[in-house]
Each structure stands twice: as structure tokens, then as C-alpha cells.
């Protein structure tokens, strides 16, 4: 079912055999599951990275006052 051989129809067996097959599947689906090229995974990672970075930057204070907490401390506090 897939070029890599990761995804296949398991042979007939008992319930435990099917559970074991499912446990051994990758946590994150490979792009081949959706019929996409491997570069789609790279594009997806770039988009996710940009989203996370923009979220972290949005947590930074717009202005800094004297004697306040550092930007890193503020981000850590908001993450908690």
C-alpha cells in the first residue's frame, strides 16, 4: 500500500497481532499516506515553524520598561 512498505494490510491473525501492527506505525503519518511528495513534509515543517515563531514573538512585550522582567522571563511565565 506504500512505496516504503511501512503501510500494508496485515495478514490474518488474532487481535493482538493487529494491535502490535498499529503500535508499530509511525506517530506522524508519512507524506506517502496522502499521496504527496516527500518535499511536502519539508513545506509543512516550515509552515509550522513560522507559526510557532510568530506565536512566541507575539508574546513579547511591545515596549520595555526599566526594571521589569526580561522578555525571556515573560515568555516563560505566559507559557506556564
PDB file of N, CA and C in Angstrom:
ATOM      1  N   UNK A   1       0.808  -1.193   0.000  1.00  0.00           N
ATOM      2  CA  UNK A   1       0.000   0.000   0.000  1.00  0.00           C
ATOM      3  C   UNK A   1       0.851   1.257   0.000  1.00  0.00           C
ATOM      4  N   UNK A   2       2.151   1.130   0.273  1.00  0.00           N
ATOM      5  CA  UNK A   2       3.012   2.310   0.260  1.00  0.00           C
ATOM      6  C   UNK A   2       4.383   1.920  -0.289  1.00  0.00           C
ATOM      7  N   UNK A   3       5.052   2.874  -0.951  1.00  0.00           N
ATOM      8  CA  UNK A   3       6.377   2.568  -1.516  1.00  0.00           C
ATOM      9  C   UNK A   3       7.403   2.139  -0.466  1.00  0.00           C
ATOM     10  N   UNK A   4       7.301   2.702   0.735  1.00  0.00           N
ATOM     11  CA  UNK A   4       8.285   2.378   1.771  1.00  0.00           C
ATOM     12  C   UNK A   4       8.021   1.020   2.416  1.00  0.00           C
ATOM     13  N   UNK A   5       6.799   0.519   2.270  1.00  0.00           N
ATOM     14  CA  UNK A   5       6.448  -0.744   2.903  1.00  0.00           C
ATOM     15  C   UNK A   5       6.002  -0.599   4.345  1.00  0.00           C
ATOM     16  N   UNK A   6       5.944   0.641   4.849  1.00  0.00           N
ATOM     17  CA  UNK A   6       5.517   0.868   6.232  1.00  0.00           C
ATOM     18  C   UNK A   6       4.036   0.559   6.384  1.00  0.00           C
ATOM     19  N   UNK A   7       3.262   0.961   5.400  1.00  0.00           N
ATOM     20  CA  UNK A   7       1.819   0.764   5.449  1.00  0.00           C
ATOM     21  C   UNK A   7       1.445  -0.421   4.565  1.00  0.00           C
ATOM     22  N   UNK A   8       0.854  -1.415   5.156  1.00  0.00           N
ATOM     23  CA  UNK A   8       0.443  -2.609   4.425  1.00  0.00           C
ATOM     24  C   UNK A   8      -0.755  -3.216   5.143  1.00  0.00           C
ATOM     25  N   UNK A   9      -1.422  -4.110   4.470  1.00  0.00           N
ATOM     26  CA  UNK A   9      -2.540  -4.820   5.088  1.00  0.00           C
ATOM     27  C   UNK A   9      -1.945  -5.983   5.868  1.00  0.00           C
ATOM     28  N   UNK A  10      -2.118  -5.967   7.180  1.00  0.00           N
ATOM     29  CA  UNK A  10      -1.521  -7.053   7.971  1.00  0.00           C
ATOM     30  C   UNK A  10      -2.185  -8.388   7.649  1.00  0.00           C
ATOM     31  N   UNK A  11      -1.424  -9.452   7.769  1.00  0.00           N
ATOM     32  CA  UNK A  11      -2.005 -10.778   7.500  1.00  0.00           C
ATOM     33  C   UNK A  11      -3.059 -11.122   8.552  1.00  0.00           C
ATOM     34  N   UNK A  12      -3.899 -12.059   8.208  1.00  0.00           N
ATOM     35  CA  UNK A  12      -4.916 -12.518   9.162  1.00  0.00           C
ATOM     36  C   UNK A  12      -4.242 -13.005  10.433  1.00  0.00           C
ATOM     37  N   UNK A  13      -4.855 -12.677  11.534  1.00  0.00           N
ATOM     38  CA  UNK A  13      -4.299 -13.091  12.812  1.00  0.00           C
ATOM     39  C   UNK A  13      -5.272 -12.812  13.927  1.00  0.00           C
ATOM     40  N   UNK A  14      -4.762 -12.879  15.122  1.00  0.00           N
ATOM     41  CA  UNK A  14      -5.576 -12.596  16.298  1.00  0.00           C
ATOM     42  C   UNK A  14      -5.519 -11.096  16.594  1.00  0.00           C
ATOM     43  N   UNK A  15      -6.367 -10.648  17.487  1.00  0.00           N
ATOM     44  CA  UNK A  15      -6.473  -9.237  17.825  1.00  0.00           C
ATOM     45  C   UNK A  15      -5.123  -8.642  18.228  1.00  0.00           C
ATOM     46  N   UNK A  16      -4.343  -9.356  18.993  1.00  0.00           N
ATOM     47  CA  UNK A  16      -3.037  -8.857  19.453  1.00  0.00           C
ATOM     48  C   UNK A  16      -2.105  -8.561  18.274  1.00  0.00           C
ATOM     49  N   UNK A  17      -2.192  -9.367  17.206  1.00  0.00           N
ATOM     50  CA  UNK A  17      -1.359  -9.122  16.017  1.00  0.00           C
ATOM     51  C   UNK A  17      -1.699  -7.777  15.398  1.00  0.00           C
ATOM     52  N   UNK A  18      -2.980  -7.448  15.334  1.00  0.00           N
ATOM     53  CA  UNK A  18      -3.408  -6.168  14.761  1.00  0.00           C
ATOM     54  C   UNK A  18      -2.997  -4.997  15.655  1.00  0.00           C
ATOM     55  N   UNK A  19      -3.130  -5.200  16.954  1.00  0.00           N
ATOM     56  CA  UNK A  19      -2.713  -4.154  17.895  1.00  0.00           C
ATOM     57  C   UNK A  19      -1.219  -3.881  17.775  1.00  0.00           C
ATOM     58  N   UNK A  20      -0.440  -4.926  17.642  1.00  0.00           N
ATOM     59  CA  UNK A  20       1.015  -4.773  17.502  1.00  0.00           C
ATOM     60  C   UNK A  20       1.360  -4.030  16.217  1.00  0.00           C
ATOM     61  N   UNK A  21       0.664  -4.354  15.129  1.00  0.00           N
ATOM     62  CA  UNK A  21       0.884  -3.649  13.863  1.00  0.00           C
ATOM     63  C   UNK A  21       0.603  -2.155  14.029  1.00  0.00           C
ATOM     64  N   UNK A  22      -0.502  -1.834  14.691  1.00  0.00           N
ATOM     65  CA  UNK A  22      -0.868  -0.430  14.898  1.00  0.00           C
ATOM     66  C   UNK A  22       0.146   0.267  15.792  1.00  0.00           C
ATOM     67  N   UNK A  23       0.632  -0.402  16.824  1.00  0.00           N
ATOM     68  CA  UNK A  23       1.636   0.198  17.718  1.00  0.00           C
ATOM     69  C   UNK A  23       2.935   0.527  16.982  1.00  0.00           C
ATOM     70  N   UNK A  24       3.243  -0.231  15.948  1.00  0.00           N
ATOM     71  CA  UNK A  24       4.495  -0.028  15.210  1.00  0.00           C
ATOM     72  C   UNK A  24       4.385   0.995  14.089  1.00  0.00           C
ATOM     73  N   UNK A  25       3.198   1.538  13.851  1.00  0.00           N
ATOM     74  CA  UNK A  25       3.057   2.571  12.831  1.00  0.00           C
ATOM     75  C   UNK A  25       3.708   3.861  13.326  1.00  0.00           C
ATOM     76  N   UNK A  26       4.211   4.695  12.420  1.00  0.00           N
ATOM     77  CA  UNK A  26       4.831   5.952  12.841  1.00  0.00           C
ATOM     78  C   UNK A  26       3.824   6.865  13.555  1.00  0.00           C
ATOM     79  N   UNK A  27       4.305   7.622  14.540  1.00  0.00           N
ATOM     80  CA  UNK A  27       3.431   8.554  15.258  1.00  0.00           C
ATOM     81  C   UNK A  27       2.918   9.648  14.327  1.00  0.00           C
ATOM     82  N   UNK A  28       3.797  10.130  13.465  1.00  0.00           N
ATOM     83  CA  UNK A  28       3.415  11.144  12.479  1.00  0.00           C
ATOM     84  C   UNK A  28       3.336  10.469  11.119  1.00  0.00           C
ATOM     85  N   UNK A  29       2.185  10.608  10.484  1.00  0.00           N
ATOM     86  CA  UNK A  29       1.990   9.967   9.185  1.00  0.00           C
ATOM     87  C   UNK A  29       2.996  10.472   8.161  1.00  0.00           C
ATOM     88  N   UNK A  30       3.521   9.554   7.386  1.00  0.00           N
ATOM     89  CA  UNK A  30       4.417   9.926   6.297  1.00  0.00           C
ATOM     90  C   UNK A  30       3.597  10.544   5.173  1.00  0.00           C
ATOM     91  N   UNK A  31       4.226  11.381   4.366  1.00  0.00           N
ATOM     92  CA  UNK A  31       3.507  12.063   3.289  1.00  0.00           C
ATOM     93  C   UNK A  31       2.966  11.087   2.264  1.00  0.00           C
ATOM     94  N   UNK A  32       3.571   9.925   2.151  1.00  0.00           N
ATOM     95  CA  UNK A  32       3.119   8.942   1.158  1.00  0.00           C
ATOM     96  C   UNK A  32       1.704   8.447   1.442  1.00  0.00           C
ATOM     97  N   UNK A  33       1.267   8.552   2.700  1.00  0.00           N
ATOM     98  CA  UNK A  33      -0.088   8.135   3.047  1.00  0.00           C
ATOM     99  C   UNK A  33      -1.110   8.959   2.267  1.00  0.00           C
ATOM    100  N   UNK A  34      -0.783  10.228   2.056  1.00  0.00           N
ATOM    101  CA  UNK A  34      -1.702  11.135   1.385  1.00  0.00           C
ATOM    102  C   UNK A  34      -1.386  11.287  -0.101  1.00  0.00           C
ATOM    103  N   UNK A  35      -0.430  10.511  -0.592  1.00  0.00           N
ATOM    104  CA  UNK A  35      -0.067  10.587  -1.998  1.00  0.00           C
ATOM    105  C   UNK A  35       0.753  11.820  -2.333  1.00  0.00           C
ATOM    106  N   UNK A  36       1.437  12.368  -1.341  1.00  0.00           N
ATOM    107  CA  UNK A  36       2.228  13.582  -1.534  1.00  0.00           C
ATOM    108  C   UNK A  36       3.711  13.256  -1.673  1.00  0.00           C
ATOM    109  N   UNK A  37       4.437  14.181  -2.285  1.00  0.00           N
ATOM    110  CA  UNK A  37       5.883  14.057  -2.432  1.00  0.00           C
ATOM    111  C   UNK A  37       6.541  14.294  -1.076  1.00  0.00           C
ATOM    112  N   UNK A  38       7.742  13.771  -0.884  1.00  0.00           N
ATOM    113  CA  UNK A  38       8.459  13.940   0.389  1.00  0.00           C
ATOM    114  C   UNK A  38       8.704  15.407   0.729  1.00  0.00           C
ATOM    115  N   UNK A  39       8.816  16.261  -0.282  1.00  0.00           N
ATOM    116  CA  UNK A  39       9.045  17.684  -0.022  1.00  0.00           C
ATOM    117  C   UNK A  39       7.855  18.344   0.661  1.00  0.00           C
ATOM    118  N   UNK A  40       6.686  17.727   0.594  1.00  0.00           N
ATOM    119  CA  UNK A  40       5.511  18.269   1.281  1.00  0.00           C
ATOM    120  C   UNK A  40       5.749  18.298   2.786  1.00  0.00           C
ATOM    121  N   UNK A  41       6.491  17.335   3.290  1.00  0.00           N
ATOM    122  CA  UNK A  41       6.803  17.305   4.722  1.00  0.00           C
ATOM    123  C   UNK A  41       7.688  18.494   5.103  1.00  0.00           C
ATOM    124  N   UNK A  42       8.622  18.831   4.232  1.00  0.00           N
ATOM    125  CA  UNK A  42       9.500  19.981   4.479  1.00  0.00           C
ATOM    126  C   UNK A  42       8.673  21.258   4.503  1.00  0.00           C
ATOM    127  N   UNK A  43       7.783  21.405   3.526  1.00  0.00           N
ATOM    128  CA  UNK A  43       6.931  22.592   3.464  1.00  0.00           C
ATOM    129  C   UNK A  43       6.060  22.696   4.713  1.00  0.00           C
ATOM    130  N   UNK A  44       5.523  21.586   5.152  1.00  0.00           N
ATOM    131  CA  UNK A  44       4.687  21.572   6.343  1.00  0.00           C
ATOM    132  C   UNK A  44       5.497  21.978   7.575  1.00  0.00           C
ATOM    133  N   UNK A  45       6.717  21.491   7.682  1.00  0.00           N
ATOM    134  CA  UNK A  45       7.578  21.833   8.824  1.00  0.00           C
ATOM    135  C   UNK A  45       7.914  23.317   8.826  1.00  0.00           C
ATOM    136  N   UNK A  46       8.151  23.888   7.654  1.00  0.00           N
ATOM    137  CA  UNK A  46       8.456  25.319   7.562  1.00  0.00           C
ATOM    138  C   UNK A  46       7.256  26.145   8.007  1.00  0.00           C
ATOM    139  N   UNK A  47       6.060  25.770   7.555  1.00  0.00           N
ATOM    140  CA  UNK A  47       4.847  26.493   7.944  1.00  0.00           C
ATOM    141  C   UNK A  47       4.633  26.410   9.449  1.00  0.00           C
ATOM    142  N   UNK A  48       4.819  25.220  10.026  1.00  0.00           N
ATOM    143  CA  UNK A  48       4.640  25.041  11.468  1.00  0.00           C
ATOM    144  C   UNK A  48       5.662  25.859  12.253  1.00  0.00           C
ATOM    145  N   UNK A  49       6.908  25.877  11.786  1.00  0.00           N
ATOM    146  CA  UNK A  49       7.958  26.661  12.442  1.00  0.00           C
ATOM    147  C   UNK A  49       7.627  28.143  12.411  1.00  0.00           C
ATOM    148  N   UNK A  50       7.174  28.635  11.266  1.00  0.00           N
ATOM    149  CA  UNK A  50       6.799  30.050  11.157  1.00  0.00           C
ATOM    150  C   UNK A  50       5.653  30.388  12.100  1.00  0.00           C
ATOM    151  N   UNK A  51       4.686  29.480  12.233  1.00  0.00           N
ATOM    152  CA  UNK A  51       3.558  29.712  13.129  1.00  0.00           C
ATOM    153  C   UNK A  51       4.024  29.782  14.586  1.00  0.00           C
ATOM    154  N   UNK A  52       4.862  28.838  14.983  1.00  0.00           N
ATOM    155  CA  UNK A  52       5.355  28.817  16.366  1.00  0.00           C
ATOM    156  C   UNK A  52       6.186  30.060  16.652  1.00  0.00           C
ATOM    157  N   UNK A  53       7.039  30.431  15.706  1.00  0.00           N
ATOM    158  CA  UNK A  53       7.875  31.615  15.895  1.00  0.00           C
ATOM    159  C   UNK A  53       7.030  32.875  16.020  1.00  0.00           C
ATOM    160  N   UNK A  54       6.024  33.021  15.174  1.00  0.00           N
ATOM    161  CA  UNK A  54       5.175  34.209  15.255  1.00  0.00           C
ATOM    162  C   UNK A  54       4.393  34.241  16.563  1.00  0.00           C
ATOM    163  N   UNK A  55       4.002  33.060  17.062  1.00  0.00           N
ATOM    164  CA  UNK A  55       3.301  33.000  18.343  1.00  0.00           C
ATOM    165  C   UNK A  55       4.210  33.448  19.480  1.00  0.00           C
ATOM    166  N   UNK A  56       5.448  32.967  19.482  1.00  0.00           N
ATOM    167  CA  UNK A  56       6.399  33.355  20.527  1.00  0.00           C
ATOM    168  C   UNK A  56       6.674  34.853  20.446  1.00  0.00           C
ATOM    169  N   UNK A  57       6.848  35.376  19.238  1.00  0.00           N
ATOM    170  CA  UNK A  57       7.104  36.812  19.093  1.00  0.00           C
ATOM    171  C   UNK A  57       5.910  37.639  19.547  1.00  0.00           C
ATOM    172  N   UNK A  58       4.710  37.126  19.378  1.00  0.00           N
ATOM    173  CA  UNK A  58       3.527  37.872  19.814  1.00  0.00           C
ATOM    174  C   UNK A  58       3.443  37.938  21.336  1.00  0.00           C
ATOM    175  N   UNK A  59       4.161  37.046  22.034  1.00  0.00           N
ATOM    176  CA  UNK A  59       4.172  37.059  23.492  1.00  0.00           C
ATOM    177  C   UNK A  59       5.133  38.103  24.061  1.00  0.00           C
ATOM    178  N   UNK A  60       6.034  38.600  23.227  1.00  0.00           N
ATOM    179  CA  UNK A  60       6.989  39.601  23.694  1.00  0.00           C
ATOM    180  C   UNK A  60       6.278  40.913  23.972  1.00  0.00           C
ATOM    181  N   UNK A  61       6.725  41.645  24.977  1.00  0.00           N
ATOM    182  CA  UNK A  61       6.102  42.943  25.256  1.00  0.00           C
ATOM    183  C   UNK A  61       6.394  43.934  24.132  1.00  0.00           C
ATOM    184  N   UNK A  62       5.454  44.824  23.901  1.00  0.00           N
ATOM    185  CA  UNK A  62       5.614  45.832  22.851  1.00  0.00           C
ATOM    186  C   UNK A  62       6.636  46.895  23.247  1.00  0.00           C
ATOM    187  N   UNK A  63       6.710  47.205  24.523  1.00  0.00           N
ATOM    188  CA  UNK A  63       7.691  48.186  24.987  1.00  0.00           C
ATOM    189  C   UNK A  63       8.327  47.649  26.255  1.00  0.00           C
ATOM    190  N   UNK A  64       9.535  48.069  26.484  1.00  0.00           N
ATOM    191  CA  UNK A  64      10.237  47.605  27.675  1.00  0.00           C
ATOM    192  C   UNK A  64      10.359  48.753  28.652  1.00  0.00           C
ATOM    193  N   UNK A  65      10.070  48.472  29.879  1.00  0.00           N
ATOM    194  CA  UNK A  65      10.215  49.467  30.924  1.00  0.00           C
ATOM    195  C   UNK A  65      11.438  49.150  31.760  1.00  0.00           C
ATOM    196  N   UNK A  66      11.936  50.114  32.436  1.00  0.00           N
ATOM    197  CA  UNK A  66      13.108  49.883  33.266  1.00  0.00           C
ATOM    198  C   UNK A  66      12.765  49.035  34.474  1.00  0.00           C
ATOM    199  N   UNK A  67      13.626  48.088  34.782  1.00  0.00           N
ATOM    200  CA  UNK A  67      13.471  47.287  35.988  1.00  0.00           C
ATOM    201  C   UNK A  67      12.458  46.162  35.891  1.00  0.00           C
ATOM    202  N   UNK A  68      11.845  45.970  34.743  1.00  0.00           N
ATOM    203  CA  UNK A  68      10.848  44.909  34.604  1.00  0.00           C
ATOM    204  C   UNK A  68      11.514  43.574  34.307  1.00  0.00           C
ATOM    205  N   UNK A  69      10.695  42.572  34.180  1.00  0.00           N
ATOM    206  CA  UNK A  69      11.196  41.237  33.853  1.00  0.00           C
ATOM    207  C   UNK A  69      11.706  41.220  32.417  1.00  0.00           C
ATOM    208  N   UNK A  70      12.649  40.318  32.142  1.00  0.00           N
ATOM    209  CA  UNK A  70      13.183  40.212  30.784  1.00  0.00           C
ATOM    210  C   UNK A  70      12.137  39.578  29.868  1.00  0.00           C
ATOM    211  N   UNK A  71      12.331  39.755  28.570  1.00  0.00           N
ATOM    212  CA  UNK A  71      11.403  39.175  27.594  1.00  0.00           C
ATOM    213  C   UNK A  71      11.359  37.660  27.750  1.00  0.00           C
ATOM    214  N   UNK A  72      12.503  37.048  28.013  1.00  0.00           N
ATOM    215  CA  UNK A  72      12.548  35.596  28.192  1.00  0.00           C
ATOM    216  C   UNK A  72      11.717  35.167  29.398  1.00  0.00           C
ATOM    217  N   UNK A  73      11.812  35.927  30.501  1.00  0.00           N
ATOM    218  CA  UNK A  73      11.024  35.605  31.686  1.00  0.00           C
ATOM    219  C   UNK A  73       9.529  35.749  31.420  1.00  0.00           C
ATOM    220  N   UNK A  74       9.150  36.796  30.682  1.00  0.00           N
ATOM    221  CA  UNK A  74       7.744  36.994  30.353  1.00  0.00           C
ATOM    222  C   UNK A  74       7.194  35.848  29.506  1.00  0.00           C
ATOM    223  N   UNK A  75       7.985  35.392  28.541  1.00  0.00           N
ATOM    224  CA  UNK A  75       7.546  34.283  27.686  1.00  0.00           C
ATOM    225  C   UNK A  75       7.396  33.019  28.522  1.00  0.00           C
ATOM    226  N   UNK A  76       8.367  32.748  29.385  1.00  0.00           N
ATOM    227  CA  UNK A  76       8.270  31.561  30.233  1.00  0.00           C
ATOM    228  C   UNK A  76       7.028  31.605  31.105  1.00  0.00           C
ATOM    229  N   UNK A  77       6.732  32.782  31.654  1.00  0.00           N
ATOM    230  CA  UNK A  77       5.557  32.934  32.520  1.00  0.00           C
ATOM    231  C   UNK A  77       4.268  32.702  31.742  1.00  0.00           C
ATOM    232  N   UNK A  78       4.181  33.239  30.518  1.00  0.00           N
ATOM    233  CA  UNK A  78       2.974  33.050  29.711  1.00  0.00           C
ATOM    234  C   UNK A  78       2.821  31.594  29.303  1.00  0.00           C
ATOM    235  N   UNK A  79       3.942  30.914  29.052  1.00  0.00           N
ATOM    236  CA  UNK A  79       3.873  29.500  28.675  1.00  0.00           C
ATOM    237  C   UNK A  79       3.360  28.647  29.821  1.00  0.00           C
ATOM    238  N   UNK A  80       3.698  29.028  31.034  1.00  0.00           N
ATOM    239  CA  UNK A  80       3.224  28.272  32.194  1.00  0.00           C
ATOM    240  C   UNK A  80       1.727  28.425  32.308  1.00  0.00           C
TER     241      UNK A  80
END
